[in-house]
Protein backbone atom coordinates (compact mmCIF):
# COMPACT_ATOMS: atom_id res chain seq x y z
CA UNK A 1 0.00 0.00 0.00
CA UNK A 2 1.30 3.50 -0.85
CA UNK A 3 2.34 5.89 1.89
CA UNK A 4 -0.60 7.89 3.29
CA UNK A 5 -0.59 11.47 1.95
CA UNK A 6 -0.77 13.97 4.80
CA UNK A 7 -1.38 17.72 4.46
CA UNK A 8 -0.10 19.57 7.55
CA UNK A 9 -1.28 23.17 7.91
CA UNK A 10 0.54 24.78 10.84
CA UNK A 11 2.13 28.25 11.18
CA UNK A 12 4.21 27.44 14.27
CA UNK A 13 7.47 26.67 12.46
CA UNK A 14 9.04 24.65 15.28
CA UNK A 15 5.91 22.53 15.75
CA UNK A 16 5.49 22.06 12.00
CA UNK A 17 9.10 20.84 11.66
CA UNK A 18 8.68 18.47 14.60
CA UNK A 19 5.46 16.98 13.25
CA UNK A 20 6.86 16.77 9.72
CA UNK A 21 9.84 14.80 11.05
CA UNK A 22 7.73 12.50 13.21
CA UNK A 23 5.23 11.68 10.48
CA UNK A 24 7.91 11.24 7.80
CA UNK A 25 9.70 8.84 10.19
CA UNK A 26 6.48 6.82 10.43
CA UNK A 27 6.27 6.48 6.65
CA UNK A 28 3.85 9.29 5.80
CA UNK A 29 4.15 11.43 2.68
CA UNK A 30 3.87 14.92 4.22
CA UNK A 31 3.28 18.29 2.63
CA UNK A 32 3.52 21.31 4.96
CA UNK A 33 2.24 24.86 4.69
CA UNK A 34 1.65 27.69 7.14
CA UNK A 35 -0.88 29.43 4.93
CA UNK A 36 -4.58 28.64 4.59
CA UNK A 37 -4.79 29.80 0.97
CA UNK A 38 -1.84 27.64 -0.03
CA UNK A 39 -3.39 24.71 1.81
CA UNK A 40 -6.47 24.97 -0.41
CA UNK A 41 -4.27 25.07 -3.52
CA UNK A 42 -2.26 22.03 -2.40
CA UNK A 43 -5.43 20.07 -1.61
CA UNK A 44 -6.88 20.95 -5.03
CA UNK A 45 -3.68 19.83 -6.80
CA UNK A 46 -3.64 16.46 -5.05
CA UNK A 47 -6.26 15.41 -2.54
CA UNK A 48 -4.56 14.20 0.66
CA UNK A 49 -5.62 11.13 2.63
CA UNK A 50 -5.84 13.26 5.78
CA UNK A 51 -5.48 16.92 6.78
CA UNK A 52 -4.01 18.19 10.06
CA UNK A 53 -5.26 21.75 10.27
CA UNK A 54 -4.41 24.47 12.79
CA UNK A 55 -7.27 26.84 13.59
CA UNK A 56 -5.13 30.03 13.74
CA UNK A 57 -3.01 30.23 10.58
CA UNK A 58 -1.90 32.83 8.06
CA UNK A 59 -4.27 33.85 5.28
CA UNK A 60 -7.60 32.04 5.26
CA UNK A 61 -8.41 30.77 8.77
CA UNK A 62 -8.32 27.08 9.60
CA UNK A 63 -12.07 26.96 10.24
CA UNK A 64 -12.72 28.49 6.78
CA UNK A 65 -10.23 26.10 5.14
CA UNK A 66 -12.14 23.23 6.74
CA UNK A 67 -15.44 24.61 5.45
CA UNK A 68 -14.09 25.00 1.89
CA UNK A 69 -12.51 21.54 1.85
CA UNK A 70 -15.89 20.10 2.79
CA UNK A 71 -17.54 21.98 -0.10
CA UNK A 72 -15.21 20.58 -2.78
CA UNK A 73 -16.07 17.16 -4.21
CA UNK A 74 -12.44 15.94 -4.23
CA UNK A 75 -11.91 16.72 -0.54
CA UNK A 76 -15.45 16.58 0.87
CA UNK A 77 -14.77 13.32 2.70
CA UNK A 78 -11.05 13.65 3.48
CA UNK A 79 -10.60 13.28 7.27
CA UNK A 80 -9.63 16.53 9.02
CA UNK A 81 -8.04 16.77 12.47
CA UNK A 82 -8.02 20.31 13.84
CA UNK A 83 -5.28 21.68 16.11
CA UNK A 84 -6.03 24.67 18.30
CA UNK A 85 -5.23 26.46 21.51
CA UNK A 86 -8.97 27.12 21.94
CA UNK A 87 -10.26 24.94 24.77
CA UNK A 88 -13.85 26.19 25.01
CA UNK A 89 -16.65 23.74 24.35
CA UNK A 90 -18.29 26.15 21.90
CA UNK A 91 -15.10 26.28 19.82
CA UNK A 92 -14.83 22.49 19.74
CA UNK A 93 -18.46 22.20 18.67
CA UNK A 94 -17.97 24.85 16.00
CA UNK A 95 -14.99 22.98 14.60
CA UNK A 96 -16.83 19.67 14.52
CA UNK A 97 -19.95 21.20 13.00
CA UNK A 98 -17.84 22.78 10.27
CA UNK A 99 -16.68 19.32 9.27
CA UNK A 100 -13.66 18.37 11.37
CA UNK A 101 -13.46 14.68 12.25
CA UNK A 102 -11.37 15.16 15.37
CA UNK A 103 -10.09 18.00 17.53
CA UNK A 104 -6.93 18.23 19.63
CA UNK A 105 -5.96 21.18 21.83
CA UNK A 106 -2.47 22.58 22.32
CA UNK A 107 -0.18 21.71 23.93
CA UNK A 108 -0.41 18.07 22.91
CA UNK A 109 1.86 15.09 22.59
CA UNK A 110 3.01 14.30 19.02
CA UNK A 111 2.61 10.66 20.03
CA UNK A 112 -1.09 11.24 20.74
CA UNK A 113 -1.56 12.98 17.38
CA UNK A 114 0.18 10.09 15.61
CA UNK A 115 -2.17 7.67 17.33
CA UNK A 116 -5.26 9.67 16.35
CA UNK A 117 -4.13 9.95 12.72
CA UNK A 118 -3.40 6.23 12.60
CA UNK A 119 -6.82 5.42 14.05
CA UNK A 120 -8.62 7.56 11.47
CA UNK A 121 -6.65 6.11 8.57
CA UNK A 122 -7.24 2.54 9.72
CA UNK A 123 -10.91 3.30 9.24
CA UNK A 124 -10.70 4.91 5.80
CA UNK A 125 -7.68 3.31 4.07
CA UNK A 126 -9.33 -0.05 3.30
CA UNK A 127 -11.79 1.80 1.09
CA UNK A 128 -8.98 3.70 -0.62
CA UNK A 129 -7.10 0.49 -1.36
CA UNK A 130 -10.11 -1.48 -2.59
CA UNK A 131 -9.87 -3.82 0.40
CA UNK A 132 -12.77 -5.26 2.36
CA UNK A 133 -14.42 -2.69 4.62
CA UNK A 134 -15.70 -3.85 7.99
CA UNK A 135 -18.06 -2.04 10.33
CA UNK A 136 -19.37 -4.07 13.24
CA UNK A 137 -20.97 -7.26 11.95
CA UNK A 138 -21.02 -6.13 8.31
CA UNK A 139 -18.39 -6.63 5.60
CA UNK A 140 -18.33 -4.93 2.21
CA UNK A 141 -16.09 -6.03 -0.66
CA UNK A 142 -15.77 -3.00 -3.00
CA UNK A 143 -14.20 -5.09 -5.77
CA UNK A 144 -16.82 -7.86 -5.85
CA UNK A 145 -19.64 -5.47 -4.80
CA UNK A 146 -20.62 -8.01 -2.17
CA UNK A 147 -22.03 -7.25 1.28
CA UNK A 148 -22.36 -9.68 4.18
CA UNK A 149 -23.81 -9.42 7.67
CA UNK A 150 -22.87 -12.09 10.17
CA UNK A 151 -21.55 -14.07 7.19
CA UNK A 152 -24.87 -13.98 5.36
CA UNK A 153 -24.91 -12.31 1.90
CA UNK A 154 -27.24 -9.35 1.53
CA UNK A 155 -29.15 -8.35 -1.59
CA UNK A 156 -28.69 -4.60 -1.94
CA UNK A 157 -29.60 -2.28 -4.83
CA UNK A 158 -26.90 -0.12 -6.46
CA UNK A 159 -27.88 3.13 -4.78
CA UNK A 160 -28.28 1.47 -1.37
CA UNK A 161 -24.88 -0.16 -1.90
CA UNK A 162 -23.22 3.23 -2.47
CA UNK A 163 -25.03 4.65 0.53
CA UNK A 164 -23.93 1.77 2.78
CA UNK A 165 -20.35 1.95 1.51
CA UNK A 166 -20.21 5.63 2.36
CA UNK A 167 -21.61 5.01 5.83
CA UNK A 168 -19.15 2.16 6.46
CA UNK A 169 -16.25 4.40 5.43
CA UNK A 170 -17.39 6.97 8.02
CA UNK A 171 -18.94 5.03 10.93
CA UNK A 172 -20.67 6.95 13.73
CA UNK A 173 -20.42 10.27 11.89
CA UNK A 174 -23.73 12.04 11.35
CA UNK A 175 -24.46 13.22 7.81
CA UNK A 176 -27.24 15.55 6.73
CA UNK A 177 -29.43 14.69 3.77
CA UNK A 178 -27.59 17.28 1.66
CA UNK A 179 -24.23 15.76 2.54
CA UNK A 180 -25.49 12.31 1.60
CA UNK A 181 -26.85 13.65 -1.68
CA UNK A 182 -23.44 15.13 -2.53
CA UNK A 183 -21.58 11.96 -1.52
CA UNK A 184 -23.83 9.33 -3.11
CA UNK A 185 -25.59 11.12 -5.97
CA UNK A 186 -22.90 13.70 -6.74
CA UNK A 187 -22.34 17.40 -6.17
CA UNK A 188 -25.01 19.57 -7.74
CA UNK A 189 -27.51 16.74 -7.94
CA UNK A 190 -31.10 17.89 -8.40
CA UNK A 191 -32.45 14.89 -6.49
CA UNK A 192 -34.78 15.99 -3.69
CA UNK A 193 -33.77 15.52 -0.07
CA UNK A 194 -36.72 13.22 0.63
CA UNK A 195 -35.21 10.76 -1.87
CA UNK A 196 -32.52 10.11 0.75
CA UNK A 197 -35.20 9.01 3.21
CA UNK A 198 -36.61 6.56 0.66
CA UNK A 199 -33.21 4.94 0.08
CA UNK A 200 -32.47 4.87 3.81
CA UNK A 201 -35.66 2.87 4.30
CA UNK A 202 -34.66 0.50 1.51
CA UNK A 203 -31.17 0.14 2.97
CA UNK A 204 -32.56 -0.62 6.42
CA UNK A 205 -34.78 -3.32 4.93
CA UNK A 206 -31.90 -4.82 2.94
CA UNK A 207 -29.53 -5.12 5.91
CA UNK A 208 -32.19 -6.18 8.40
CA UNK A 209 -31.77 -9.64 9.89
CA UNK A 210 -34.03 -11.21 12.49
CA UNK A 211 -33.21 -10.31 16.10
CA UNK A 212 -30.40 -7.93 15.07
CA UNK A 213 -30.42 -4.21 15.85
CA UNK A 214 -30.84 -1.69 13.05
CA UNK A 215 -27.40 -0.05 12.68
CA UNK A 216 -28.73 3.04 10.87
CA UNK A 217 -29.38 5.78 13.41
CA UNK A 218 -31.72 8.69 12.71
CA UNK A 219 -30.52 11.89 14.37
CA UNK A 220 -33.42 14.29 14.70
CA UNK A 221 -32.95 17.54 12.77
CA UNK A 222 -29.44 16.44 11.76
CA UNK A 223 -29.47 13.38 9.49
CA UNK A 224 -28.30 9.79 9.66
CA UNK A 225 -25.32 7.81 10.98
CA UNK A 226 -24.12 4.22 10.94
CA UNK A 227 -23.65 2.76 14.43
CA UNK A 228 -21.80 -0.57 13.96
CA UNK A 229 -23.38 -3.47 15.83
C-alpha atoms as a PDB file:
ATOM      1  CA  UNK A   1       0.000   0.000   0.000  1.00  0.00           C
ATOM      2  CA  UNK A   2       1.303   3.500  -0.854  1.00  0.00           C
ATOM      3  CA  UNK A   3       2.335   5.895   1.887  1.00  0.00           C
ATOM      4  CA  UNK A   4      -0.600   7.888   3.286  1.00  0.00           C
ATOM      5  CA  UNK A   5      -0.593  11.466   1.955  1.00  0.00           C
ATOM      6  CA  UNK A   6      -0.771  13.971   4.801  1.00  0.00           C
ATOM      7  CA  UNK A   7      -1.376  17.719   4.463  1.00  0.00           C
ATOM      8  CA  UNK A   8      -0.101  19.573   7.546  1.00  0.00           C
ATOM      9  CA  UNK A   9      -1.280  23.174   7.906  1.00  0.00           C
ATOM     10  CA  UNK A  10       0.538  24.781  10.838  1.00  0.00           C
ATOM     11  CA  UNK A  11       2.134  28.249  11.182  1.00  0.00           C
ATOM     12  CA  UNK A  12       4.213  27.437  14.272  1.00  0.00           C
ATOM     13  CA  UNK A  13       7.471  26.674  12.460  1.00  0.00           C
ATOM     14  CA  UNK A  14       9.039  24.651  15.280  1.00  0.00           C
ATOM     15  CA  UNK A  15       5.909  22.529  15.751  1.00  0.00           C
ATOM     16  CA  UNK A  16       5.485  22.058  11.995  1.00  0.00           C
ATOM     17  CA  UNK A  17       9.095  20.843  11.657  1.00  0.00           C
ATOM     18  CA  UNK A  18       8.683  18.470  14.603  1.00  0.00           C
ATOM     19  CA  UNK A  19       5.455  16.980  13.247  1.00  0.00           C
ATOM     20  CA  UNK A  20       6.859  16.768   9.721  1.00  0.00           C
ATOM     21  CA  UNK A  21       9.844  14.805  11.049  1.00  0.00           C
ATOM     22  CA  UNK A  22       7.731  12.499  13.215  1.00  0.00           C
ATOM     23  CA  UNK A  23       5.235  11.675  10.477  1.00  0.00           C
ATOM     24  CA  UNK A  24       7.911  11.239   7.801  1.00  0.00           C
ATOM     25  CA  UNK A  25       9.704   8.842  10.190  1.00  0.00           C
ATOM     26  CA  UNK A  26       6.482   6.819  10.428  1.00  0.00           C
ATOM     27  CA  UNK A  27       6.267   6.478   6.651  1.00  0.00           C
ATOM     28  CA  UNK A  28       3.853   9.286   5.799  1.00  0.00           C
ATOM     29  CA  UNK A  29       4.147  11.434   2.676  1.00  0.00           C
ATOM     30  CA  UNK A  30       3.872  14.917   4.220  1.00  0.00           C
ATOM     31  CA  UNK A  31       3.276  18.295   2.629  1.00  0.00           C
ATOM     32  CA  UNK A  32       3.524  21.307   4.957  1.00  0.00           C
ATOM     33  CA  UNK A  33       2.245  24.859   4.686  1.00  0.00           C
ATOM     34  CA  UNK A  34       1.653  27.686   7.141  1.00  0.00           C
ATOM     35  CA  UNK A  35      -0.876  29.433   4.931  1.00  0.00           C
ATOM     36  CA  UNK A  36      -4.577  28.642   4.586  1.00  0.00           C
ATOM     37  CA  UNK A  37      -4.795  29.800   0.969  1.00  0.00           C
ATOM     38  CA  UNK A  38      -1.839  27.644  -0.031  1.00  0.00           C
ATOM     39  CA  UNK A  39      -3.395  24.710   1.812  1.00  0.00           C
ATOM     40  CA  UNK A  40      -6.473  24.973  -0.413  1.00  0.00           C
ATOM     41  CA  UNK A  41      -4.269  25.075  -3.521  1.00  0.00           C
ATOM     42  CA  UNK A  42      -2.258  22.027  -2.404  1.00  0.00           C
ATOM     43  CA  UNK A  43      -5.430  20.068  -1.605  1.00  0.00           C
ATOM     44  CA  UNK A  44      -6.877  20.954  -5.026  1.00  0.00           C
ATOM     45  CA  UNK A  45      -3.678  19.835  -6.798  1.00  0.00           C
ATOM     46  CA  UNK A  46      -3.640  16.462  -5.050  1.00  0.00           C
ATOM     47  CA  UNK A  47      -6.256  15.407  -2.535  1.00  0.00           C
ATOM     48  CA  UNK A  48      -4.561  14.197   0.659  1.00  0.00           C
ATOM     49  CA  UNK A  49      -5.624  11.129   2.629  1.00  0.00           C
ATOM     50  CA  UNK A  50      -5.839  13.259   5.781  1.00  0.00           C
ATOM     51  CA  UNK A  51      -5.475  16.924   6.782  1.00  0.00           C
ATOM     52  CA  UNK A  52      -4.011  18.191  10.058  1.00  0.00           C
ATOM     53  CA  UNK A  53      -5.259  21.754  10.268  1.00  0.00           C
ATOM     54  CA  UNK A  54      -4.414  24.467  12.785  1.00  0.00           C
ATOM     55  CA  UNK A  55      -7.268  26.843  13.588  1.00  0.00           C
ATOM     56  CA  UNK A  56      -5.132  30.031  13.735  1.00  0.00           C
ATOM     57  CA  UNK A  57      -3.008  30.228  10.580  1.00  0.00           C
ATOM     58  CA  UNK A  58      -1.897  32.825   8.055  1.00  0.00           C
ATOM     59  CA  UNK A  59      -4.268  33.854   5.284  1.00  0.00           C
ATOM     60  CA  UNK A  60      -7.602  32.041   5.264  1.00  0.00           C
ATOM     61  CA  UNK A  61      -8.410  30.774   8.773  1.00  0.00           C
ATOM     62  CA  UNK A  62      -8.323  27.084   9.598  1.00  0.00           C
ATOM     63  CA  UNK A  63     -12.066  26.957  10.235  1.00  0.00           C
ATOM     64  CA  UNK A  64     -12.721  28.489   6.782  1.00  0.00           C
ATOM     65  CA  UNK A  65     -10.231  26.100   5.141  1.00  0.00           C
ATOM     66  CA  UNK A  66     -12.140  23.229   6.744  1.00  0.00           C
ATOM     67  CA  UNK A  67     -15.437  24.613   5.451  1.00  0.00           C
ATOM     68  CA  UNK A  68     -14.086  25.000   1.893  1.00  0.00           C
ATOM     69  CA  UNK A  69     -12.514  21.542   1.846  1.00  0.00           C
ATOM     70  CA  UNK A  70     -15.893  20.098   2.787  1.00  0.00           C
ATOM     71  CA  UNK A  71     -17.541  21.982  -0.101  1.00  0.00           C
ATOM     72  CA  UNK A  72     -15.213  20.579  -2.776  1.00  0.00           C
ATOM     73  CA  UNK A  73     -16.071  17.163  -4.210  1.00  0.00           C
ATOM     74  CA  UNK A  74     -12.442  15.938  -4.231  1.00  0.00           C
ATOM     75  CA  UNK A  75     -11.906  16.724  -0.538  1.00  0.00           C
ATOM     76  CA  UNK A  76     -15.448  16.584   0.868  1.00  0.00           C
ATOM     77  CA  UNK A  77     -14.765  13.322   2.697  1.00  0.00           C
ATOM     78  CA  UNK A  78     -11.052  13.654   3.482  1.00  0.00           C
ATOM     79  CA  UNK A  79     -10.598  13.283   7.267  1.00  0.00           C
ATOM     80  CA  UNK A  80      -9.634  16.528   9.022  1.00  0.00           C
ATOM     81  CA  UNK A  81      -8.040  16.773  12.471  1.00  0.00           C
ATOM     82  CA  UNK A  82      -8.019  20.314  13.837  1.00  0.00           C
ATOM     83  CA  UNK A  83      -5.285  21.682  16.106  1.00  0.00           C
ATOM     84  CA  UNK A  84      -6.028  24.666  18.298  1.00  0.00           C
ATOM     85  CA  UNK A  85      -5.232  26.465  21.510  1.00  0.00           C
ATOM     86  CA  UNK A  86      -8.967  27.123  21.944  1.00  0.00           C
ATOM     87  CA  UNK A  87     -10.257  24.939  24.767  1.00  0.00           C
ATOM     88  CA  UNK A  88     -13.845  26.193  25.006  1.00  0.00           C
ATOM     89  CA  UNK A  89     -16.649  23.737  24.351  1.00  0.00           C
ATOM     90  CA  UNK A  90     -18.295  26.152  21.899  1.00  0.00           C
ATOM     91  CA  UNK A  91     -15.096  26.278  19.824  1.00  0.00           C
ATOM     92  CA  UNK A  92     -14.826  22.486  19.736  1.00  0.00           C
ATOM     93  CA  UNK A  93     -18.455  22.200  18.675  1.00  0.00           C
ATOM     94  CA  UNK A  94     -17.972  24.855  16.001  1.00  0.00           C
ATOM     95  CA  UNK A  95     -14.986  22.981  14.602  1.00  0.00           C
ATOM     96  CA  UNK A  96     -16.827  19.666  14.515  1.00  0.00           C
ATOM     97  CA  UNK A  97     -19.954  21.201  13.005  1.00  0.00           C
ATOM     98  CA  UNK A  98     -17.840  22.776  10.271  1.00  0.00           C
ATOM     99  CA  UNK A  99     -16.679  19.317   9.270  1.00  0.00           C
ATOM    100  CA  UNK A 100     -13.660  18.374  11.368  1.00  0.00           C
ATOM    101  CA  UNK A 101     -13.455  14.681  12.249  1.00  0.00           C
ATOM    102  CA  UNK A 102     -11.367  15.161  15.375  1.00  0.00           C
ATOM    103  CA  UNK A 103     -10.090  17.999  17.534  1.00  0.00           C
ATOM    104  CA  UNK A 104      -6.928  18.229  19.629  1.00  0.00           C
ATOM    105  CA  UNK A 105      -5.958  21.184  21.833  1.00  0.00           C
ATOM    106  CA  UNK A 106      -2.466  22.578  22.320  1.00  0.00           C
ATOM    107  CA  UNK A 107      -0.180  21.712  23.928  1.00  0.00           C
ATOM    108  CA  UNK A 108      -0.410  18.070  22.913  1.00  0.00           C
ATOM    109  CA  UNK A 109       1.865  15.085  22.591  1.00  0.00           C
ATOM    110  CA  UNK A 110       3.011  14.298  19.023  1.00  0.00           C
ATOM    111  CA  UNK A 111       2.613  10.659  20.029  1.00  0.00           C
ATOM    112  CA  UNK A 112      -1.092  11.240  20.738  1.00  0.00           C
ATOM    113  CA  UNK A 113      -1.557  12.981  17.379  1.00  0.00           C
ATOM    114  CA  UNK A 114       0.184  10.090  15.609  1.00  0.00           C
ATOM    115  CA  UNK A 115      -2.174   7.670  17.326  1.00  0.00           C
ATOM    116  CA  UNK A 116      -5.256   9.669  16.349  1.00  0.00           C
ATOM    117  CA  UNK A 117      -4.135   9.950  12.720  1.00  0.00           C
ATOM    118  CA  UNK A 118      -3.396   6.233  12.602  1.00  0.00           C
ATOM    119  CA  UNK A 119      -6.824   5.424  14.052  1.00  0.00           C
ATOM    120  CA  UNK A 120      -8.624   7.564  11.473  1.00  0.00           C
ATOM    121  CA  UNK A 121      -6.647   6.111   8.566  1.00  0.00           C
ATOM    122  CA  UNK A 122      -7.237   2.536   9.716  1.00  0.00           C
ATOM    123  CA  UNK A 123     -10.906   3.300   9.244  1.00  0.00           C
ATOM    124  CA  UNK A 124     -10.701   4.907   5.797  1.00  0.00           C
ATOM    125  CA  UNK A 125      -7.677   3.312   4.073  1.00  0.00           C
ATOM    126  CA  UNK A 126      -9.335  -0.053   3.297  1.00  0.00           C
ATOM    127  CA  UNK A 127     -11.788   1.796   1.093  1.00  0.00           C
ATOM    128  CA  UNK A 128      -8.980   3.702  -0.623  1.00  0.00           C
ATOM    129  CA  UNK A 129      -7.100   0.492  -1.360  1.00  0.00           C
ATOM    130  CA  UNK A 130     -10.113  -1.477  -2.586  1.00  0.00           C
ATOM    131  CA  UNK A 131      -9.872  -3.818   0.403  1.00  0.00           C
ATOM    132  CA  UNK A 132     -12.773  -5.260   2.361  1.00  0.00           C
ATOM    133  CA  UNK A 133     -14.416  -2.692   4.619  1.00  0.00           C
ATOM    134  CA  UNK A 134     -15.696  -3.849   7.991  1.00  0.00           C
ATOM    135  CA  UNK A 135     -18.065  -2.044  10.330  1.00  0.00           C
ATOM    136  CA  UNK A 136     -19.369  -4.069  13.242  1.00  0.00           C
ATOM    137  CA  UNK A 137     -20.972  -7.263  11.951  1.00  0.00           C
ATOM    138  CA  UNK A 138     -21.018  -6.129   8.309  1.00  0.00           C
ATOM    139  CA  UNK A 139     -18.391  -6.633   5.597  1.00  0.00           C
ATOM    140  CA  UNK A 140     -18.328  -4.927   2.210  1.00  0.00           C
ATOM    141  CA  UNK A 141     -16.092  -6.032  -0.662  1.00  0.00           C
ATOM    142  CA  UNK A 142     -15.774  -2.995  -3.001  1.00  0.00           C
ATOM    143  CA  UNK A 143     -14.196  -5.092  -5.772  1.00  0.00           C
ATOM    144  CA  UNK A 144     -16.820  -7.862  -5.855  1.00  0.00           C
ATOM    145  CA  UNK A 145     -19.638  -5.471  -4.804  1.00  0.00           C
ATOM    146  CA  UNK A 146     -20.622  -8.005  -2.166  1.00  0.00           C
ATOM    147  CA  UNK A 147     -22.034  -7.247   1.282  1.00  0.00           C
ATOM    148  CA  UNK A 148     -22.357  -9.676   4.184  1.00  0.00           C
ATOM    149  CA  UNK A 149     -23.808  -9.416   7.667  1.00  0.00           C
ATOM    150  CA  UNK A 150     -22.873 -12.090  10.174  1.00  0.00           C
ATOM    151  CA  UNK A 151     -21.554 -14.068   7.193  1.00  0.00           C
ATOM    152  CA  UNK A 152     -24.871 -13.977   5.360  1.00  0.00           C
ATOM    153  CA  UNK A 153     -24.907 -12.311   1.904  1.00  0.00           C
ATOM    154  CA  UNK A 154     -27.238  -9.353   1.530  1.00  0.00           C
ATOM    155  CA  UNK A 155     -29.149  -8.345  -1.594  1.00  0.00           C
ATOM    156  CA  UNK A 156     -28.686  -4.598  -1.945  1.00  0.00           C
ATOM    157  CA  UNK A 157     -29.600  -2.284  -4.832  1.00  0.00           C
ATOM    158  CA  UNK A 158     -26.899  -0.124  -6.459  1.00  0.00           C
ATOM    159  CA  UNK A 159     -27.880   3.130  -4.776  1.00  0.00           C
ATOM    160  CA  UNK A 160     -28.282   1.474  -1.374  1.00  0.00           C
ATOM    161  CA  UNK A 161     -24.876  -0.160  -1.898  1.00  0.00           C
ATOM    162  CA  UNK A 162     -23.218   3.225  -2.472  1.00  0.00           C
ATOM    163  CA  UNK A 163     -25.028   4.647   0.534  1.00  0.00           C
ATOM    164  CA  UNK A 164     -23.935   1.771   2.783  1.00  0.00           C
ATOM    165  CA  UNK A 165     -20.347   1.948   1.512  1.00  0.00           C
ATOM    166  CA  UNK A 166     -20.212   5.635   2.359  1.00  0.00           C
ATOM    167  CA  UNK A 167     -21.612   5.014   5.834  1.00  0.00           C
ATOM    168  CA  UNK A 168     -19.145   2.158   6.457  1.00  0.00           C
ATOM    169  CA  UNK A 169     -16.254   4.395   5.427  1.00  0.00           C
ATOM    170  CA  UNK A 170     -17.388   6.970   8.023  1.00  0.00           C
ATOM    171  CA  UNK A 171     -18.940   5.030  10.927  1.00  0.00           C
ATOM    172  CA  UNK A 172     -20.667   6.953  13.733  1.00  0.00           C
ATOM    173  CA  UNK A 173     -20.418  10.268  11.890  1.00  0.00           C
ATOM    174  CA  UNK A 174     -23.733  12.044  11.348  1.00  0.00           C
ATOM    175  CA  UNK A 175     -24.462  13.224   7.805  1.00  0.00           C
ATOM    176  CA  UNK A 176     -27.239  15.545   6.726  1.00  0.00           C
ATOM    177  CA  UNK A 177     -29.428  14.690   3.767  1.00  0.00           C
ATOM    178  CA  UNK A 178     -27.590  17.277   1.662  1.00  0.00           C
ATOM    179  CA  UNK A 179     -24.225  15.757   2.545  1.00  0.00           C
ATOM    180  CA  UNK A 180     -25.494  12.311   1.599  1.00  0.00           C
ATOM    181  CA  UNK A 181     -26.853  13.647  -1.679  1.00  0.00           C
ATOM    182  CA  UNK A 182     -23.439  15.126  -2.526  1.00  0.00           C
ATOM    183  CA  UNK A 183     -21.583  11.963  -1.517  1.00  0.00           C
ATOM    184  CA  UNK A 184     -23.825   9.330  -3.106  1.00  0.00           C
ATOM    185  CA  UNK A 185     -25.590  11.119  -5.966  1.00  0.00           C
ATOM    186  CA  UNK A 186     -22.897  13.701  -6.740  1.00  0.00           C
ATOM    187  CA  UNK A 187     -22.336  17.403  -6.168  1.00  0.00           C
ATOM    188  CA  UNK A 188     -25.010  19.575  -7.740  1.00  0.00           C
ATOM    189  CA  UNK A 189     -27.508  16.737  -7.943  1.00  0.00           C
ATOM    190  CA  UNK A 190     -31.100  17.887  -8.401  1.00  0.00           C
ATOM    191  CA  UNK A 191     -32.454  14.895  -6.495  1.00  0.00           C
ATOM    192  CA  UNK A 192     -34.784  15.992  -3.695  1.00  0.00           C
ATOM    193  CA  UNK A 193     -33.774  15.517  -0.068  1.00  0.00           C
ATOM    194  CA  UNK A 194     -36.721  13.217   0.625  1.00  0.00           C
ATOM    195  CA  UNK A 195     -35.212  10.764  -1.873  1.00  0.00           C
ATOM    196  CA  UNK A 196     -32.518  10.113   0.746  1.00  0.00           C
ATOM    197  CA  UNK A 197     -35.197   9.008   3.212  1.00  0.00           C
ATOM    198  CA  UNK A 198     -36.608   6.557   0.656  1.00  0.00           C
ATOM    199  CA  UNK A 199     -33.213   4.941   0.083  1.00  0.00           C
ATOM    200  CA  UNK A 200     -32.467   4.873   3.807  1.00  0.00           C
ATOM    201  CA  UNK A 201     -35.663   2.874   4.297  1.00  0.00           C
ATOM    202  CA  UNK A 202     -34.657   0.497   1.506  1.00  0.00           C
ATOM    203  CA  UNK A 203     -31.171   0.137   2.972  1.00  0.00           C
ATOM    204  CA  UNK A 204     -32.563  -0.622   6.421  1.00  0.00           C
ATOM    205  CA  UNK A 205     -34.779  -3.318   4.925  1.00  0.00           C
ATOM    206  CA  UNK A 206     -31.895  -4.821   2.936  1.00  0.00           C
ATOM    207  CA  UNK A 207     -29.533  -5.124   5.910  1.00  0.00           C
ATOM    208  CA  UNK A 208     -32.187  -6.182   8.405  1.00  0.00           C
ATOM    209  CA  UNK A 209     -31.772  -9.640   9.891  1.00  0.00           C
ATOM    210  CA  UNK A 210     -34.025 -11.214  12.489  1.00  0.00           C
ATOM    211  CA  UNK A 211     -33.213 -10.309  16.101  1.00  0.00           C
ATOM    212  CA  UNK A 212     -30.402  -7.925  15.069  1.00  0.00           C
ATOM    213  CA  UNK A 213     -30.424  -4.213  15.846  1.00  0.00           C
ATOM    214  CA  UNK A 214     -30.842  -1.690  13.050  1.00  0.00           C
ATOM    215  CA  UNK A 215     -27.396  -0.053  12.682  1.00  0.00           C
ATOM    216  CA  UNK A 216     -28.727   3.039  10.870  1.00  0.00           C
ATOM    217  CA  UNK A 217     -29.385   5.775  13.409  1.00  0.00           C
ATOM    218  CA  UNK A 218     -31.717   8.695  12.707  1.00  0.00           C
ATOM    219  CA  UNK A 219     -30.519  11.894  14.372  1.00  0.00           C
ATOM    220  CA  UNK A 220     -33.422  14.291  14.703  1.00  0.00           C
ATOM    221  CA  UNK A 221     -32.953  17.542  12.768  1.00  0.00           C
ATOM    222  CA  UNK A 222     -29.443  16.442  11.756  1.00  0.00           C
ATOM    223  CA  UNK A 223     -29.472  13.385   9.494  1.00  0.00           C
ATOM    224  CA  UNK A 224     -28.301   9.792   9.664  1.00  0.00           C
ATOM    225  CA  UNK A 225     -25.325   7.806  10.980  1.00  0.00           C
ATOM    226  CA  UNK A 226     -24.116   4.221  10.938  1.00  0.00           C
ATOM    227  CA  UNK A 227     -23.649   2.764  14.430  1.00  0.00           C
ATOM    228  CA  UNK A 228     -21.797  -0.566  13.963  1.00  0.00           C
ATOM    229  CA  UNK A 229     -23.380  -3.474  15.826  1.00  0.00           C
END
